[in-house]
């Protein structure tokens, strides 16, 4: 009987973990969708040019080859 109770507890813990991971994936998915919608709205305000999406400057010149 003791092994059965341990197995029941393990199964319940696995179910809890699976539910938690499912919620985490759903939260990430909704954040990405919100970010994507905000980017689309921003692109619409900028005339669709995509300005303001990148926060880094363009490269100044060609990259130099580095020895291995």
N, C-alpha and C. Protein backbone atom coordinates (compact mmCIF):
# COMPACT_ATOMS: atom_id res chain seq x y z
N UNK A 1 0.82 -1.19 0.00
CA UNK A 1 0.00 0.00 0.00
C UNK A 1 0.86 1.25 0.00
N UNK A 2 2.00 1.19 0.67
CA UNK A 2 2.88 2.34 0.77
C UNK A 2 3.40 2.76 -0.61
N UNK A 3 3.77 1.76 -1.45
CA UNK A 3 4.27 2.06 -2.78
C UNK A 3 3.18 2.71 -3.64
N UNK A 4 1.96 2.28 -3.45
CA UNK A 4 0.85 2.86 -4.19
C UNK A 4 0.69 4.34 -3.86
N UNK A 5 0.80 4.68 -2.59
CA UNK A 5 0.67 6.08 -2.18
C UNK A 5 1.81 6.92 -2.73
N UNK A 6 3.01 6.37 -2.75
CA UNK A 6 4.15 7.09 -3.33
C UNK A 6 3.91 7.33 -4.82
N UNK A 7 3.43 6.31 -5.50
CA UNK A 7 3.14 6.44 -6.93
C UNK A 7 2.06 7.48 -7.17
N UNK A 8 1.03 7.52 -6.35
CA UNK A 8 -0.03 8.51 -6.47
C UNK A 8 0.53 9.93 -6.28
N UNK A 9 1.41 10.10 -5.30
CA UNK A 9 2.00 11.41 -5.06
C UNK A 9 2.88 11.83 -6.24
N UNK A 10 3.64 10.89 -6.79
CA UNK A 10 4.49 11.20 -7.96
C UNK A 10 3.64 11.59 -9.15
N UNK A 11 2.57 10.86 -9.38
CA UNK A 11 1.68 11.16 -10.50
C UNK A 11 1.05 12.55 -10.33
N UNK A 12 0.62 12.86 -9.12
CA UNK A 12 0.02 14.17 -8.87
C UNK A 12 1.05 15.28 -9.09
N UNK A 13 2.30 15.06 -8.66
CA UNK A 13 3.35 16.06 -8.86
C UNK A 13 3.64 16.26 -10.34
N UNK A 14 3.68 15.18 -11.10
CA UNK A 14 3.90 15.29 -12.54
C UNK A 14 2.77 16.08 -13.21
N UNK A 15 1.54 15.84 -12.78
CA UNK A 15 0.41 16.58 -13.33
C UNK A 15 0.50 18.06 -12.99
N UNK A 16 0.92 18.38 -11.76
CA UNK A 16 1.09 19.78 -11.36
C UNK A 16 2.18 20.45 -12.19
N UNK A 17 3.29 19.75 -12.39
CA UNK A 17 4.38 20.32 -13.20
C UNK A 17 3.94 20.56 -14.64
N UNK A 18 3.21 19.61 -15.19
CA UNK A 18 2.74 19.75 -16.57
C UNK A 18 1.80 20.94 -16.69
N UNK A 19 0.91 21.12 -15.73
CA UNK A 19 -0.01 22.26 -15.76
C UNK A 19 0.76 23.57 -15.64
N UNK A 20 1.75 23.60 -14.77
CA UNK A 20 2.55 24.82 -14.59
C UNK A 20 3.31 25.15 -15.88
N UNK A 21 3.92 24.16 -16.52
CA UNK A 21 4.64 24.40 -17.76
C UNK A 21 3.70 24.85 -18.87
N UNK A 22 2.49 24.30 -18.90
CA UNK A 22 1.50 24.71 -19.89
C UNK A 22 1.13 26.18 -19.69
N UNK A 23 0.93 26.59 -18.43
CA UNK A 23 0.62 27.99 -18.15
C UNK A 23 1.78 28.90 -18.52
N UNK A 24 3.00 28.47 -18.26
CA UNK A 24 4.17 29.27 -18.59
C UNK A 24 4.28 29.45 -20.11
N UNK A 25 4.07 28.37 -20.87
CA UNK A 25 4.12 28.48 -22.33
C UNK A 25 3.03 29.41 -22.85
N UNK A 26 1.85 29.33 -22.26
CA UNK A 26 0.75 30.20 -22.67
C UNK A 26 1.07 31.66 -22.38
N UNK A 27 1.70 31.94 -21.24
CA UNK A 27 2.07 33.31 -20.90
C UNK A 27 3.11 33.84 -21.88
N UNK A 28 4.10 33.02 -22.22
CA UNK A 28 5.11 33.44 -23.18
C UNK A 28 4.48 33.69 -24.54
N UNK A 29 3.58 32.82 -24.95
CA UNK A 29 2.92 32.97 -26.23
C UNK A 29 2.11 34.26 -26.29
N UNK A 30 1.39 34.59 -25.20
CA UNK A 30 0.58 35.81 -25.20
C UNK A 30 1.46 37.05 -25.18
N UNK A 31 2.60 37.00 -24.45
CA UNK A 31 3.52 38.15 -24.46
C UNK A 31 4.10 38.37 -25.85
N UNK A 32 4.46 37.29 -26.53
CA UNK A 32 5.00 37.43 -27.88
C UNK A 32 3.95 38.01 -28.82
N UNK A 33 2.70 37.56 -28.69
CA UNK A 33 1.63 38.07 -29.54
C UNK A 33 1.41 39.56 -29.27
N UNK A 34 1.44 39.96 -28.01
CA UNK A 34 1.27 41.38 -27.68
C UNK A 34 2.42 42.21 -28.24
N UNK A 35 3.64 41.68 -28.12
CA UNK A 35 4.80 42.38 -28.66
C UNK A 35 4.69 42.51 -30.18
N UNK A 36 4.24 41.44 -30.84
CA UNK A 36 4.09 41.45 -32.29
C UNK A 36 3.03 42.48 -32.71
N UNK A 37 1.90 42.53 -31.98
CA UNK A 37 0.86 43.50 -32.29
C UNK A 37 1.36 44.92 -32.09
N UNK A 38 2.11 45.15 -31.03
CA UNK A 38 2.65 46.49 -30.78
C UNK A 38 3.61 46.89 -31.90
N UNK A 39 4.42 45.95 -32.38
CA UNK A 39 5.35 46.24 -33.47
C UNK A 39 4.59 46.55 -34.75
N UNK A 40 3.50 45.83 -34.99
CA UNK A 40 2.70 46.11 -36.18
C UNK A 40 2.06 47.48 -36.10
N UNK A 41 1.56 47.85 -34.92
CA UNK A 41 0.98 49.18 -34.75
C UNK A 41 2.05 50.26 -34.93
N UNK A 42 3.25 50.03 -34.39
CA UNK A 42 4.33 51.00 -34.53
C UNK A 42 4.74 51.13 -35.99
N UNK A 43 4.77 50.02 -36.71
CA UNK A 43 5.13 50.06 -38.13
C UNK A 43 4.07 50.82 -38.91
N UNK A 44 2.82 50.69 -38.51
CA UNK A 44 1.74 51.43 -39.17
C UNK A 44 1.86 52.92 -38.95
N UNK A 45 2.29 53.34 -37.76
CA UNK A 45 2.47 54.77 -37.48
C UNK A 45 3.66 55.34 -38.23
N UNK A 46 4.68 54.53 -38.47
CA UNK A 46 5.88 54.99 -39.15
C UNK A 46 5.77 54.85 -40.66
N UNK A 47 4.61 54.61 -41.14
CA UNK A 47 4.44 54.48 -42.58
C UNK A 47 4.83 53.11 -43.11
N UNK A 48 4.99 52.15 -42.23
CA UNK A 48 5.33 50.80 -42.66
C UNK A 48 6.79 50.63 -43.01
N UNK A 49 7.63 51.61 -42.67
CA UNK A 49 9.04 51.51 -43.01
C UNK A 49 9.80 50.66 -42.02
N UNK A 50 9.24 50.43 -40.85
CA UNK A 50 9.93 49.64 -39.84
C UNK A 50 10.91 50.47 -39.03
N UNK A 51 10.82 51.79 -39.15
CA UNK A 51 11.73 52.64 -38.39
C UNK A 51 11.44 52.51 -36.91
N UNK A 52 12.49 52.62 -36.12
CA UNK A 52 12.33 52.56 -34.68
C UNK A 52 12.28 51.17 -34.11
N UNK A 53 12.37 50.15 -34.95
CA UNK A 53 12.31 48.80 -34.43
C UNK A 53 13.67 48.34 -33.91
N UNK A 54 14.75 48.84 -34.51
CA UNK A 54 16.08 48.42 -34.11
C UNK A 54 16.68 49.46 -33.18
N UNK A 55 17.31 49.00 -32.12
CA UNK A 55 17.92 49.91 -31.17
C UNK A 55 19.42 49.98 -31.33
N UNK A 56 19.96 49.29 -32.29
CA UNK A 56 21.40 49.31 -32.49
C UNK A 56 21.74 50.04 -33.78
N UNK A 57 22.92 50.63 -33.82
CA UNK A 57 23.37 51.36 -35.00
C UNK A 57 23.78 50.36 -36.08
N UNK A 58 23.69 50.76 -37.35
CA UNK A 58 24.14 49.86 -38.42
C UNK A 58 25.65 49.68 -38.35
N UNK A 59 26.16 48.61 -38.90
CA UNK A 59 27.62 48.39 -38.86
C UNK A 59 28.35 49.52 -39.59
N UNK A 60 29.49 49.91 -39.07
CA UNK A 60 30.24 51.03 -39.63
C UNK A 60 31.01 50.65 -40.88
N UNK A 61 31.41 49.42 -40.98
CA UNK A 61 32.19 49.01 -42.14
C UNK A 61 32.18 47.51 -42.26
N UNK A 62 32.92 46.99 -43.23
CA UNK A 62 32.94 45.53 -43.39
C UNK A 62 33.65 44.86 -42.21
N UNK A 63 33.19 43.69 -41.87
CA UNK A 63 33.83 42.93 -40.80
C UNK A 63 35.14 42.35 -41.29
N UNK A 64 36.13 42.37 -40.45
CA UNK A 64 37.43 41.82 -40.80
C UNK A 64 37.49 40.35 -40.44
N UNK A 65 38.18 39.59 -41.27
CA UNK A 65 38.33 38.17 -41.00
C UNK A 65 39.28 37.98 -39.83
N UNK A 66 38.93 37.08 -38.92
CA UNK A 66 39.78 36.80 -37.77
C UNK A 66 40.43 35.44 -37.96
N UNK A 67 41.68 35.32 -37.55
CA UNK A 67 42.31 33.99 -37.67
C UNK A 67 41.68 33.01 -36.69
N UNK A 68 41.63 31.77 -37.10
CA UNK A 68 41.00 30.74 -36.28
C UNK A 68 41.85 30.32 -35.12
